[in-house]
Amino acid sequence: MLDLFCGAGGAGMGYHRAGFEVVGVDIAPQPRYPFEFHQADALEYCAEHGQKFDVIHASPPCQGYSQSRWLKNARGDAPRMIDEVRTALIGTGRPYVIENVPGAPLVNSLLLCGSMFSLGVLRHRLFECAPPIYFPPAVCRHGPVMPIYWSDRRRRLARGDVFEYITVAGRSFLMPEARRAMGIDWMTQAELSQAIPPAYTEFIGRQLLQAIEIAY
């Protein structure tokens, strides 16, 4: 499994648990990435080495597609790379997965949520899979979500509200509760805010392994 735009390894850990040998690539140093790592441009590395792998996963930058791009302080020049990444992956001829946020232009995408895996995090993500995976493991069903902002959180805790889920975003979360909710215990706060729970890609990885076994 080639893990492009790998970050600190949330996706890679899921594929590892599914049974893949994982190799990560990111343009920035990733000292806590738990598997073989190469610091390089993801698309250049894919063009040179992608055909050597059984499956390729890519998590290109999501800020250009996120709903938060409309906020006052959001960057208006955030890259939008989905089309470029898809073209590169198709060019390898290998099965692939593209992960991004709701709003990204993914094709036949699968929506996964923490509630589908009994995780305490509200983190919706889309996955374009080739070969396609159409059905999630469960329905998306989550209860009260802890507010992002401390002022709202204190006010609602003071009146006795109980939260089943948290959002792990920005700098407004507590690390112990966030690590438990995400199923990740090796990342910094900044890394955790950008990661996806390994449970998501473990589910996808098991489906892909079955598809590869059938194909070969």
N, C-alpha and C. Protein backbone atom coordinates (compact mmCIF):
# COMPACT_ATOMS: atom_id res chain seq x y z
N MET A 1 0.85 -1.19 0.00
CA MET A 1 0.00 0.00 0.00
C MET A 1 0.88 1.24 0.00
N LEU A 2 0.73 2.07 -1.02
CA LEU A 2 1.41 3.36 -1.06
C LEU A 2 0.47 4.40 -0.47
N ASP A 3 0.92 5.08 0.56
CA ASP A 3 0.12 6.04 1.33
C ASP A 3 0.61 7.45 1.01
N LEU A 4 -0.04 8.12 0.04
CA LEU A 4 0.38 9.43 -0.41
C LEU A 4 -0.26 10.54 0.43
N PHE A 5 0.49 11.64 0.61
CA PHE A 5 0.05 12.72 1.51
C PHE A 5 -0.24 12.11 2.88
N CYS A 6 0.71 11.35 3.40
CA CYS A 6 0.43 10.41 4.49
C CYS A 6 0.26 11.07 5.85
N GLY A 7 0.77 12.31 6.04
CA GLY A 7 0.68 12.91 7.36
C GLY A 7 1.34 12.03 8.40
N ALA A 8 0.77 11.98 9.57
CA ALA A 8 1.35 11.22 10.68
C ALA A 8 0.87 9.77 10.73
N GLY A 9 0.04 9.34 9.76
CA GLY A 9 -0.21 7.92 9.64
C GLY A 9 -1.53 7.38 10.12
N GLY A 10 -2.58 8.21 10.24
CA GLY A 10 -3.88 7.68 10.64
C GLY A 10 -4.42 6.69 9.62
N ALA A 11 -4.39 7.07 8.34
CA ALA A 11 -4.85 6.17 7.28
C ALA A 11 -3.93 4.96 7.17
N GLY A 12 -2.63 5.20 7.20
CA GLY A 12 -1.69 4.10 7.06
C GLY A 12 -1.85 3.04 8.13
N MET A 13 -2.14 3.45 9.37
CA MET A 13 -2.32 2.48 10.45
C MET A 13 -3.53 1.59 10.18
N GLY A 14 -4.58 2.15 9.64
CA GLY A 14 -5.75 1.34 9.32
C GLY A 14 -5.43 0.28 8.27
N TYR A 15 -4.71 0.67 7.23
CA TYR A 15 -4.35 -0.31 6.20
C TYR A 15 -3.40 -1.37 6.76
N HIS A 16 -2.50 -0.97 7.65
CA HIS A 16 -1.62 -1.93 8.30
C HIS A 16 -2.43 -2.96 9.09
N ARG A 17 -3.43 -2.49 9.83
CA ARG A 17 -4.25 -3.41 10.60
C ARG A 17 -5.08 -4.33 9.71
N ALA A 18 -5.38 -3.86 8.50
CA ALA A 18 -6.12 -4.70 7.56
C ALA A 18 -5.25 -5.78 6.95
N GLY A 19 -3.91 -5.59 7.00
CA GLY A 19 -3.01 -6.62 6.48
C GLY A 19 -2.03 -6.15 5.44
N PHE A 20 -1.99 -4.85 5.14
CA PHE A 20 -1.07 -4.32 4.14
C PHE A 20 0.29 -3.98 4.75
N GLU A 21 1.33 -4.09 3.95
CA GLU A 21 2.62 -3.47 4.24
C GLU A 21 2.53 -2.04 3.69
N VAL A 22 2.79 -1.05 4.52
CA VAL A 22 2.49 0.34 4.17
C VAL A 22 3.77 1.14 4.00
N VAL A 23 3.79 1.97 2.94
CA VAL A 23 4.89 2.90 2.69
C VAL A 23 4.28 4.29 2.53
N GLY A 24 4.74 5.25 3.34
CA GLY A 24 4.18 6.58 3.33
C GLY A 24 5.04 7.60 2.61
N VAL A 25 4.38 8.59 1.99
CA VAL A 25 5.07 9.67 1.29
C VAL A 25 4.41 10.99 1.66
N ASP A 26 5.22 11.98 2.03
CA ASP A 26 4.70 13.31 2.31
C ASP A 26 5.80 14.32 2.03
N ILE A 27 5.41 15.51 1.61
CA ILE A 27 6.41 16.52 1.28
C ILE A 27 7.03 17.12 2.55
N ALA A 28 6.34 16.98 3.67
CA ALA A 28 6.85 17.49 4.95
C ALA A 28 7.41 16.33 5.78
N PRO A 29 8.40 16.58 6.65
CA PRO A 29 8.90 15.53 7.54
C PRO A 29 7.76 15.00 8.42
N GLN A 30 7.77 13.69 8.66
CA GLN A 30 6.76 13.06 9.50
C GLN A 30 7.47 12.13 10.49
N PRO A 31 8.07 12.69 11.54
CA PRO A 31 8.89 11.87 12.44
C PRO A 31 8.11 10.83 13.21
N ARG A 32 6.80 10.97 13.32
CA ARG A 32 6.00 9.99 14.06
C ARG A 32 5.25 9.02 13.13
N TYR A 33 5.51 9.10 11.82
CA TYR A 33 4.87 8.14 10.93
C TYR A 33 5.34 6.74 11.29
N PRO A 34 4.43 5.80 11.53
CA PRO A 34 4.84 4.52 12.14
C PRO A 34 5.37 3.46 11.17
N PHE A 35 5.49 3.80 9.87
CA PHE A 35 5.94 2.80 8.89
C PHE A 35 7.05 3.41 8.02
N GLU A 36 7.47 2.67 7.02
CA GLU A 36 8.49 3.19 6.10
C GLU A 36 8.02 4.52 5.51
N PHE A 37 8.91 5.51 5.53
CA PHE A 37 8.51 6.85 5.11
C PHE A 37 9.52 7.44 4.14
N HIS A 38 9.00 8.17 3.12
CA HIS A 38 9.85 8.89 2.18
C HIS A 38 9.36 10.33 2.09
N GLN A 39 10.26 11.27 2.34
CA GLN A 39 9.90 12.68 2.19
C GLN A 39 10.10 13.06 0.73
N ALA A 40 8.98 13.33 0.06
CA ALA A 40 9.03 13.62 -1.37
C ALA A 40 7.70 14.22 -1.80
N ASP A 41 7.68 14.79 -2.99
CA ASP A 41 6.43 15.23 -3.59
C ASP A 41 5.59 14.00 -3.91
N ALA A 42 4.35 13.98 -3.43
CA ALA A 42 3.53 12.76 -3.54
C ALA A 42 3.29 12.36 -4.99
N LEU A 43 2.95 13.31 -5.85
CA LEU A 43 2.62 12.96 -7.23
C LEU A 43 3.86 12.56 -8.02
N GLU A 44 4.99 13.18 -7.73
CA GLU A 44 6.23 12.76 -8.39
C GLU A 44 6.61 11.34 -7.97
N TYR A 45 6.48 11.07 -6.68
CA TYR A 45 6.79 9.72 -6.20
C TYR A 45 5.84 8.69 -6.81
N CYS A 46 4.57 9.07 -6.91
CA CYS A 46 3.58 8.16 -7.49
C CYS A 46 3.92 7.86 -8.95
N ALA A 47 4.30 8.87 -9.72
CA ALA A 47 4.63 8.66 -11.13
C ALA A 47 5.83 7.72 -11.29
N GLU A 48 6.78 7.83 -10.37
CA GLU A 48 8.01 7.03 -10.49
C GLU A 48 7.86 5.63 -9.92
N HIS A 49 7.08 5.49 -8.84
CA HIS A 49 7.04 4.21 -8.11
C HIS A 49 5.66 3.58 -7.98
N GLY A 50 4.60 4.28 -8.37
CA GLY A 50 3.24 3.82 -8.09
C GLY A 50 2.92 2.43 -8.60
N GLN A 51 3.47 2.08 -9.77
CA GLN A 51 3.14 0.78 -10.36
C GLN A 51 3.72 -0.39 -9.58
N LYS A 52 4.61 -0.12 -8.64
CA LYS A 52 5.23 -1.19 -7.86
C LYS A 52 4.32 -1.66 -6.71
N PHE A 53 3.25 -0.92 -6.45
CA PHE A 53 2.41 -1.20 -5.29
C PHE A 53 1.11 -1.88 -5.71
N ASP A 54 0.52 -2.61 -4.77
CA ASP A 54 -0.75 -3.29 -5.05
C ASP A 54 -1.92 -2.32 -5.04
N VAL A 55 -1.88 -1.34 -4.13
CA VAL A 55 -2.96 -0.36 -3.98
C VAL A 55 -2.32 0.97 -3.59
N ILE A 56 -2.96 2.08 -4.00
CA ILE A 56 -2.47 3.41 -3.64
C ILE A 56 -3.59 4.18 -2.95
N HIS A 57 -3.27 4.77 -1.81
CA HIS A 57 -4.19 5.65 -1.10
C HIS A 57 -3.64 7.07 -1.16
N ALA A 58 -4.53 8.05 -1.36
CA ALA A 58 -4.10 9.45 -1.39
C ALA A 58 -5.06 10.29 -0.55
N SER A 59 -4.50 11.13 0.30
CA SER A 59 -5.27 12.09 1.10
C SER A 59 -4.78 13.50 0.79
N PRO A 60 -5.11 14.02 -0.40
CA PRO A 60 -4.62 15.36 -0.76
C PRO A 60 -5.21 16.43 0.15
N PRO A 61 -4.61 17.62 0.19
CA PRO A 61 -5.10 18.68 1.07
C PRO A 61 -6.60 18.91 0.93
N CYS A 62 -7.26 19.08 2.07
CA CYS A 62 -8.72 19.18 2.07
C CYS A 62 -9.23 20.60 2.28
N GLN A 63 -8.35 21.55 2.64
CA GLN A 63 -8.81 22.87 3.03
C GLN A 63 -9.57 23.58 1.91
N GLY A 64 -9.23 23.32 0.66
CA GLY A 64 -9.90 23.96 -0.45
C GLY A 64 -11.32 23.49 -0.67
N TYR A 65 -11.68 22.36 -0.08
CA TYR A 65 -13.02 21.81 -0.24
C TYR A 65 -13.84 21.88 1.04
N SER A 66 -13.20 22.16 2.16
CA SER A 66 -13.88 22.14 3.45
C SER A 66 -14.87 23.28 3.57
N GLN A 67 -15.94 23.04 4.32
CA GLN A 67 -16.91 24.09 4.59
C GLN A 67 -16.27 25.26 5.32
N SER A 68 -15.19 25.01 6.05
CA SER A 68 -14.53 26.08 6.81
C SER A 68 -13.85 27.10 5.91
N ARG A 69 -13.74 26.81 4.60
CA ARG A 69 -13.10 27.77 3.71
C ARG A 69 -13.89 29.07 3.61
N TRP A 70 -15.15 29.04 4.04
CA TRP A 70 -15.97 30.25 3.97
C TRP A 70 -15.80 31.14 5.21
N LEU A 71 -15.09 30.64 6.21
CA LEU A 71 -14.88 31.44 7.41
C LEU A 71 -13.96 32.63 7.11
N LYS A 72 -14.05 33.65 7.93
CA LYS A 72 -13.33 34.90 7.69
C LYS A 72 -11.83 34.69 7.59
N ASN A 73 -11.27 33.84 8.46
CA ASN A 73 -9.83 33.67 8.50
C ASN A 73 -9.32 32.50 7.67
N ALA A 74 -10.21 31.83 6.94
CA ALA A 74 -9.79 30.69 6.15
C ALA A 74 -8.98 31.15 4.93
N ARG A 75 -8.04 30.33 4.50
CA ARG A 75 -7.22 30.67 3.34
C ARG A 75 -8.02 30.51 2.06
N GLY A 76 -8.02 31.54 1.24
CA GLY A 76 -8.74 31.45 -0.02
C GLY A 76 -7.94 30.81 -1.13
N ASP A 77 -6.62 30.60 -0.90
CA ASP A 77 -5.76 30.03 -1.93
C ASP A 77 -5.42 28.57 -1.66
N ALA A 78 -6.20 27.90 -0.83
CA ALA A 78 -5.93 26.49 -0.51
C ALA A 78 -6.00 25.65 -1.78
N PRO A 79 -5.07 24.70 -1.97
CA PRO A 79 -5.04 23.93 -3.21
C PRO A 79 -6.24 23.00 -3.35
N ARG A 80 -6.64 22.78 -4.58
CA ARG A 80 -7.68 21.82 -4.92
C ARG A 80 -7.07 20.83 -5.92
N MET A 81 -6.73 19.66 -5.43
CA MET A 81 -5.89 18.73 -6.19
C MET A 81 -6.59 17.44 -6.59
N ILE A 82 -7.87 17.31 -6.33
CA ILE A 82 -8.54 16.02 -6.53
C ILE A 82 -8.39 15.54 -7.98
N ASP A 83 -8.69 16.39 -8.95
CA ASP A 83 -8.63 15.97 -10.35
C ASP A 83 -7.22 15.56 -10.74
N GLU A 84 -6.23 16.33 -10.31
CA GLU A 84 -4.84 16.01 -10.63
C GLU A 84 -4.41 14.69 -9.99
N VAL A 85 -4.83 14.48 -8.75
CA VAL A 85 -4.48 13.25 -8.05
C VAL A 85 -5.16 12.05 -8.72
N ARG A 86 -6.43 12.18 -9.06
CA ARG A 86 -7.14 11.08 -9.71
C ARG A 86 -6.47 10.68 -11.03
N THR A 87 -6.10 11.68 -11.82
CA THR A 87 -5.43 11.39 -13.09
C THR A 87 -4.13 10.62 -12.87
N ALA A 88 -3.37 11.03 -11.85
CA ALA A 88 -2.11 10.36 -11.55
C ALA A 88 -2.34 8.92 -11.11
N LEU A 89 -3.35 8.70 -10.28
CA LEU A 89 -3.61 7.35 -9.79
C LEU A 89 -4.12 6.44 -10.90
N ILE A 90 -5.01 6.93 -11.72
CA ILE A 90 -5.50 6.13 -12.85
C ILE A 90 -4.34 5.76 -13.77
N GLY A 91 -3.40 6.69 -13.92
CA GLY A 91 -2.26 6.44 -14.79
C GLY A 91 -1.37 5.29 -14.34
N THR A 92 -1.41 4.96 -13.06
CA THR A 92 -0.60 3.83 -12.58
C THR A 92 -1.23 2.48 -12.93
N GLY A 93 -2.54 2.47 -13.19
CA GLY A 93 -3.23 1.21 -13.45
C GLY A 93 -3.49 0.37 -12.22
N ARG A 94 -3.26 0.94 -11.03
CA ARG A 94 -3.43 0.20 -9.80
C ARG A 94 -4.74 0.58 -9.13
N PRO A 95 -5.32 -0.32 -8.31
CA PRO A 95 -6.47 0.07 -7.48
C PRO A 95 -6.09 1.25 -6.59
N TYR A 96 -7.06 2.11 -6.32
CA TYR A 96 -6.72 3.30 -5.55
C TYR A 96 -7.88 3.75 -4.66
N VAL A 97 -7.53 4.60 -3.70
CA VAL A 97 -8.49 5.26 -2.81
C VAL A 97 -8.09 6.72 -2.70
N ILE A 98 -9.06 7.63 -2.86
CA ILE A 98 -8.84 9.05 -2.58
C ILE A 98 -9.73 9.43 -1.41
N GLU A 99 -9.15 10.04 -0.39
CA GLU A 99 -9.91 10.45 0.80
C GLU A 99 -9.96 11.96 0.88
N ASN A 100 -11.14 12.49 1.25
CA ASN A 100 -11.25 13.92 1.45
C ASN A 100 -12.52 14.24 2.23
N VAL A 101 -12.78 15.52 2.39
CA VAL A 101 -13.90 15.98 3.22
C VAL A 101 -15.18 16.06 2.39
N PRO A 102 -16.35 16.03 3.05
CA PRO A 102 -17.59 16.30 2.35
C PRO A 102 -17.51 17.64 1.62
N GLY A 103 -17.96 17.64 0.38
CA GLY A 103 -17.82 18.81 -0.48
C GLY A 103 -16.76 18.64 -1.54
N ALA A 104 -15.84 17.69 -1.34
CA ALA A 104 -14.82 17.41 -2.35
C ALA A 104 -15.46 16.66 -3.53
N PRO A 105 -14.99 16.89 -4.76
CA PRO A 105 -15.60 16.29 -5.96
C PRO A 105 -15.15 14.85 -6.20
N LEU A 106 -15.44 13.98 -5.26
CA LEU A 106 -15.09 12.57 -5.41
C LEU A 106 -16.21 11.83 -6.15
N VAL A 107 -15.85 10.75 -6.84
CA VAL A 107 -16.78 10.01 -7.69
C VAL A 107 -17.25 8.76 -6.96
N ASN A 108 -18.57 8.53 -6.95
CA ASN A 108 -19.14 7.34 -6.29
C ASN A 108 -18.57 7.17 -4.88
N SER A 109 -18.55 8.24 -4.13
CA SER A 109 -17.83 8.23 -2.86
C SER A 109 -18.60 7.50 -1.76
N LEU A 110 -17.83 6.92 -0.86
CA LEU A 110 -18.33 6.24 0.33
C LEU A 110 -18.15 7.19 1.52
N LEU A 111 -19.22 7.45 2.26
CA LEU A 111 -19.14 8.30 3.45
C LEU A 111 -18.94 7.43 4.68
N LEU A 112 -17.91 7.75 5.46
CA LEU A 112 -17.68 7.06 6.73
C LEU A 112 -17.70 8.07 7.87
N CYS A 113 -18.15 7.60 9.03
CA CYS A 113 -18.33 8.44 10.22
C CYS A 113 -17.90 7.65 11.44
N GLY A 114 -17.42 8.34 12.46
CA GLY A 114 -17.00 7.66 13.68
C GLY A 114 -18.08 6.83 14.32
N SER A 115 -19.33 7.27 14.19
CA SER A 115 -20.43 6.52 14.81
C SER A 115 -20.61 5.14 14.20
N MET A 116 -20.14 4.94 12.97
CA MET A 116 -20.25 3.63 12.32
C MET A 116 -19.31 2.61 12.94
N PHE A 117 -18.30 3.08 13.68
CA PHE A 117 -17.28 2.20 14.25
C PHE A 117 -17.26 2.29 15.77
N SER A 118 -18.32 2.80 16.36
CA SER A 118 -18.41 2.98 17.82
C SER A 118 -17.28 3.85 18.36
N LEU A 119 -16.87 4.84 17.57
CA LEU A 119 -15.88 5.81 18.00
C LEU A 119 -16.59 7.06 18.49
N GLY A 120 -15.96 7.77 19.39
CA GLY A 120 -16.58 8.96 19.98
C GLY A 120 -16.25 10.23 19.25
N VAL A 121 -16.01 10.17 17.93
CA VAL A 121 -15.62 11.35 17.18
C VAL A 121 -16.59 11.59 16.04
N LEU A 122 -16.93 12.85 15.83
CA LEU A 122 -17.71 13.25 14.66
C LEU A 122 -16.72 13.70 13.59
N ARG A 123 -16.43 12.84 12.63
CA ARG A 123 -15.48 13.16 11.57
C ARG A 123 -15.93 12.46 10.30
N HIS A 124 -16.75 13.15 9.52
CA HIS A 124 -17.23 12.61 8.26
C HIS A 124 -16.14 12.74 7.20
N ARG A 125 -15.90 11.65 6.49
CA ARG A 125 -14.93 11.66 5.40
C ARG A 125 -15.47 10.86 4.21
N LEU A 126 -15.10 11.32 3.02
CA LEU A 126 -15.49 10.65 1.78
C LEU A 126 -14.31 9.87 1.23
N PHE A 127 -14.63 8.72 0.60
CA PHE A 127 -13.60 7.88 0.01
C PHE A 127 -14.05 7.47 -1.40
N GLU A 128 -13.26 7.84 -2.38
CA GLU A 128 -13.46 7.36 -3.76
C GLU A 128 -12.60 6.12 -3.93
N CYS A 129 -13.22 5.00 -4.17
CA CYS A 129 -12.50 3.73 -4.22
C CYS A 129 -12.62 3.11 -5.61
N ALA A 130 -11.53 2.60 -6.12
CA ALA A 130 -11.51 1.88 -7.38
C ALA A 130 -10.69 0.61 -7.20
N PRO A 131 -11.33 -0.56 -7.13
CA PRO A 131 -12.76 -0.82 -7.38
C PRO A 131 -13.65 -0.20 -6.30
N PRO A 132 -14.92 0.08 -6.67
CA PRO A 132 -15.79 0.82 -5.75
C PRO A 132 -16.22 0.00 -4.55
N ILE A 133 -16.40 0.71 -3.44
CA ILE A 133 -17.00 0.15 -2.23
C ILE A 133 -18.25 0.98 -1.97
N TYR A 134 -19.41 0.36 -2.01
CA TYR A 134 -20.66 1.11 -1.99
C TYR A 134 -21.30 1.20 -0.60
N PHE A 135 -21.03 0.22 0.25
CA PHE A 135 -21.81 0.13 1.48
C PHE A 135 -20.95 0.30 2.71
N PRO A 136 -21.30 1.23 3.60
CA PRO A 136 -20.57 1.40 4.86
C PRO A 136 -20.91 0.27 5.82
N PRO A 137 -20.17 0.14 6.92
CA PRO A 137 -20.42 -0.95 7.86
C PRO A 137 -21.68 -0.77 8.68
N ALA A 138 -22.20 0.45 8.76
CA ALA A 138 -23.38 0.74 9.57
C ALA A 138 -23.93 2.09 9.13
N VAL A 139 -25.06 2.48 9.68
CA VAL A 139 -25.60 3.79 9.37
C VAL A 139 -24.87 4.85 10.19
N CYS A 140 -24.89 6.08 9.70
CA CYS A 140 -24.33 7.20 10.43
C CYS A 140 -25.36 7.67 11.44
N ARG A 141 -25.05 7.50 12.73
CA ARG A 141 -26.02 7.83 13.77
C ARG A 141 -25.26 8.29 15.01
N HIS A 142 -25.21 9.58 15.21
CA HIS A 142 -24.51 10.09 16.38
C HIS A 142 -25.42 11.02 17.16
N GLY A 143 -25.19 11.03 18.48
CA GLY A 143 -25.97 11.85 19.38
C GLY A 143 -25.35 13.21 19.57
N PRO A 144 -25.54 13.82 20.76
CA PRO A 144 -25.05 15.18 21.00
C PRO A 144 -23.53 15.28 20.83
N VAL A 145 -23.11 16.34 20.15
CA VAL A 145 -21.70 16.57 19.86
C VAL A 145 -21.18 17.72 20.71
N MET A 146 -20.03 17.51 21.34
CA MET A 146 -19.43 18.55 22.17
C MET A 146 -19.03 19.73 21.30
N PRO A 147 -19.37 20.95 21.67
CA PRO A 147 -19.03 22.12 20.86
C PRO A 147 -17.52 22.29 20.71
N ILE A 148 -17.13 22.90 19.60
CA ILE A 148 -15.72 23.16 19.35
C ILE A 148 -15.19 24.24 20.28
N TYR A 149 -15.94 25.30 20.48
CA TYR A 149 -15.44 26.47 21.19
C TYR A 149 -15.64 26.32 22.69
N TRP A 150 -14.59 26.74 23.46
CA TRP A 150 -14.60 26.55 24.90
C TRP A 150 -15.77 27.27 25.56
N SER A 151 -16.14 28.45 25.08
CA SER A 151 -17.24 29.19 25.71
C SER A 151 -18.54 28.42 25.62
N ASP A 152 -18.82 27.85 24.44
CA ASP A 152 -20.04 27.05 24.28
C ASP A 152 -19.96 25.78 25.11
N ARG A 153 -18.77 25.20 25.17
CA ARG A 153 -18.61 23.95 25.91
C ARG A 153 -18.87 24.16 27.40
N ARG A 154 -18.27 25.20 27.97
CA ARG A 154 -18.46 25.47 29.39
C ARG A 154 -19.92 25.76 29.71
N ARG A 155 -20.56 26.53 28.85
CA ARG A 155 -21.96 26.88 29.09
C ARG A 155 -22.86 25.65 29.06
N ARG A 156 -22.60 24.76 28.10
CA ARG A 156 -23.46 23.58 27.98
C ARG A 156 -23.13 22.53 29.03
N LEU A 157 -21.86 22.43 29.43
CA LEU A 157 -21.52 21.52 30.52
C LEU A 157 -22.14 22.01 31.84
N ALA A 158 -22.15 23.34 32.03
CA ALA A 158 -22.71 23.90 33.26
C ALA A 158 -24.20 23.60 33.41
N ARG A 159 -24.89 23.50 32.32
CA ARG A 159 -26.32 23.21 32.41
C ARG A 159 -26.61 21.70 32.39
N GLY A 160 -25.54 20.88 32.38
CA GLY A 160 -25.71 19.44 32.53
C GLY A 160 -25.81 18.65 31.26
N ASP A 161 -25.49 19.26 30.10
CA ASP A 161 -25.54 18.52 28.84
C ASP A 161 -24.49 17.40 28.85
N VAL A 162 -24.84 16.27 28.24
CA VAL A 162 -23.95 15.12 28.13
C VAL A 162 -23.61 14.92 26.65
N PHE A 163 -22.34 14.80 26.35
CA PHE A 163 -21.91 14.68 24.96
C PHE A 163 -21.41 13.27 24.68
N GLU A 164 -21.91 12.70 23.60
CA GLU A 164 -21.47 11.37 23.19
C GLU A 164 -20.30 11.45 22.22
N TYR A 165 -20.18 12.57 21.50
CA TYR A 165 -19.18 12.70 20.45
C TYR A 165 -18.47 14.04 20.57
N ILE A 166 -17.22 14.06 20.09
CA ILE A 166 -16.47 15.30 20.05
C ILE A 166 -15.99 15.54 18.62
N THR A 167 -15.67 16.80 18.32
CA THR A 167 -15.01 17.13 17.06
C THR A 167 -13.55 17.42 17.38
N VAL A 168 -12.66 16.75 16.68
CA VAL A 168 -11.23 16.92 16.91
C VAL A 168 -10.73 17.88 15.84
N ALA A 169 -10.81 19.18 16.14
CA ALA A 169 -10.47 20.19 15.15
C ALA A 169 -9.76 21.35 15.81
N GLY A 170 -8.84 21.97 15.05
CA GLY A 170 -8.14 23.14 15.55
C GLY A 170 -7.35 22.84 16.82
N ARG A 171 -7.45 23.75 17.80
CA ARG A 171 -6.73 23.58 19.07
C ARG A 171 -7.69 23.55 20.25
N SER A 172 -8.94 23.23 19.99
CA SER A 172 -9.96 23.39 21.02
C SER A 172 -10.32 22.09 21.72
N PHE A 173 -9.53 21.03 21.54
CA PHE A 173 -9.88 19.76 22.14
C PHE A 173 -8.82 19.32 23.15
N LEU A 174 -9.22 18.47 24.08
CA LEU A 174 -8.30 17.91 25.06
C LEU A 174 -7.69 16.64 24.49
N MET A 175 -6.38 16.48 24.61
CA MET A 175 -5.70 15.36 23.98
C MET A 175 -6.16 13.99 24.45
N PRO A 176 -6.31 13.75 25.76
CA PRO A 176 -6.72 12.40 26.16
C PRO A 176 -8.06 11.97 25.56
N GLU A 177 -9.06 12.86 25.60
CA GLU A 177 -10.36 12.51 25.06
C GLU A 177 -10.30 12.38 23.54
N ALA A 178 -9.49 13.21 22.89
CA ALA A 178 -9.38 13.15 21.44
C ALA A 178 -8.70 11.86 20.99
N ARG A 179 -7.65 11.46 21.69
CA ARG A 179 -6.96 10.23 21.33
C ARG A 179 -7.87 9.02 21.50
N ARG A 180 -8.65 8.99 22.56
CA ARG A 180 -9.60 7.89 22.75
C ARG A 180 -10.65 7.90 21.65
N ALA A 181 -11.16 9.07 21.32
CA ALA A 181 -12.23 9.16 20.33
C ALA A 181 -11.75 8.75 18.94
N MET A 182 -10.51 9.08 18.61
CA MET A 182 -9.97 8.79 17.27
C MET A 182 -9.34 7.41 17.17
N GLY A 183 -9.01 6.80 18.30
CA GLY A 183 -8.28 5.53 18.26
C GLY A 183 -6.84 5.71 17.84
N ILE A 184 -6.23 6.85 18.24
CA ILE A 184 -4.85 7.19 17.87
C ILE A 184 -4.12 7.65 19.13
N ASP A 185 -2.93 7.09 19.40
CA ASP A 185 -2.23 7.45 20.62
C ASP A 185 -0.80 7.93 20.40
N TRP A 186 -0.39 8.19 19.14
CA TRP A 186 1.00 8.54 18.89
C TRP A 186 1.19 9.94 18.29
N MET A 187 0.12 10.67 18.06
CA MET A 187 0.23 11.95 17.36
C MET A 187 0.22 13.14 18.30
N THR A 188 0.77 14.26 17.80
CA THR A 188 0.65 15.53 18.48
C THR A 188 -0.76 16.10 18.24
N GLN A 189 -1.06 17.19 18.91
CA GLN A 189 -2.38 17.81 18.75
C GLN A 189 -2.60 18.28 17.31
N ALA A 190 -1.60 18.92 16.72
CA ALA A 190 -1.74 19.39 15.34
C ALA A 190 -1.92 18.23 14.38
N GLU A 191 -1.18 17.16 14.58
CA GLU A 191 -1.30 16.00 13.69
C GLU A 191 -2.66 15.33 13.84
N LEU A 192 -3.13 15.25 15.08
CA LEU A 192 -4.41 14.59 15.33
C LEU A 192 -5.56 15.35 14.67
N SER A 193 -5.46 16.67 14.65
CA SER A 193 -6.55 17.46 14.08
C SER A 193 -6.68 17.25 12.58
N GLN A 194 -5.62 16.74 11.92
CA GLN A 194 -5.65 16.52 10.47
C GLN A 194 -5.84 15.06 10.09
N ALA A 195 -5.86 14.17 11.07
CA ALA A 195 -5.86 12.74 10.79
C ALA A 195 -7.27 12.20 10.59
N ILE A 196 -7.32 10.98 10.09
CA ILE A 196 -8.58 10.22 10.07
C ILE A 196 -8.41 9.00 10.97
N PRO A 197 -9.48 8.54 11.59
CA PRO A 197 -9.37 7.37 12.46
C PRO A 197 -8.92 6.14 11.67
N PRO A 198 -7.97 5.36 12.17
CA PRO A 198 -7.54 4.15 11.47
C PRO A 198 -8.68 3.18 11.18
N ALA A 199 -9.74 3.21 11.98
CA ALA A 199 -10.87 2.29 11.74
C ALA A 199 -11.45 2.46 10.34
N TYR A 200 -11.41 3.68 9.80
CA TYR A 200 -11.98 3.91 8.47
C TYR A 200 -11.22 3.12 7.41
N THR A 201 -9.90 3.27 7.40
CA THR A 201 -9.13 2.60 6.35
C THR A 201 -8.91 1.12 6.64
N GLU A 202 -9.04 0.72 7.88
CA GLU A 202 -9.02 -0.73 8.14
C GLU A 202 -10.22 -1.39 7.47
N PHE A 203 -11.38 -0.75 7.58
CA PHE A 203 -12.58 -1.28 6.91
C PHE A 203 -12.38 -1.30 5.40
N ILE A 204 -11.91 -0.21 4.83
CA ILE A 204 -11.70 -0.15 3.38
C ILE A 204 -10.62 -1.13 2.95
N GLY A 205 -9.55 -1.22 3.72
CA GLY A 205 -8.46 -2.12 3.37
C GLY A 205 -8.89 -3.57 3.30
N ARG A 206 -9.74 -3.99 4.20
CA ARG A 206 -10.21 -5.38 4.17
C ARG A 206 -11.05 -5.64 2.92
N GLN A 207 -11.85 -4.65 2.51
CA GLN A 207 -12.63 -4.82 1.28
C GLN A 207 -11.71 -4.89 0.06
N LEU A 208 -10.67 -4.06 0.05
CA LEU A 208 -9.75 -4.06 -1.07
C LEU A 208 -8.95 -5.36 -1.16
N LEU A 209 -8.57 -5.90 -0.02
CA LEU A 209 -7.85 -7.17 -0.03
C LEU A 209 -8.70 -8.28 -0.66
N GLN A 210 -9.97 -8.30 -0.33
CA GLN A 210 -10.86 -9.28 -0.93
C GLN A 210 -10.95 -9.09 -2.45
N ALA A 211 -11.06 -7.83 -2.88
CA ALA A 211 -11.15 -7.55 -4.31
C ALA A 211 -9.87 -7.96 -5.04
N ILE A 212 -8.70 -7.70 -4.42
CA ILE A 212 -7.44 -8.08 -5.04
C ILE A 212 -7.31 -9.59 -5.15
N GLU A 213 -7.73 -10.31 -4.10
CA GLU A 213 -7.65 -11.77 -4.13
C GLU A 213 -8.53 -12.34 -5.24
N ILE A 214 -9.71 -11.75 -5.42
CA ILE A 214 -10.61 -12.21 -6.50
C ILE A 214 -10.00 -11.93 -7.86
N ALA A 215 -9.40 -10.73 -8.02
CA ALA A 215 -8.85 -10.33 -9.31
C ALA A 215 -7.64 -11.16 -9.73
N TYR A 216 -6.85 -11.60 -8.71
CA TYR A 216 -5.61 -12.31 -9.04
C TYR A 216 -5.67 -13.78 -8.67
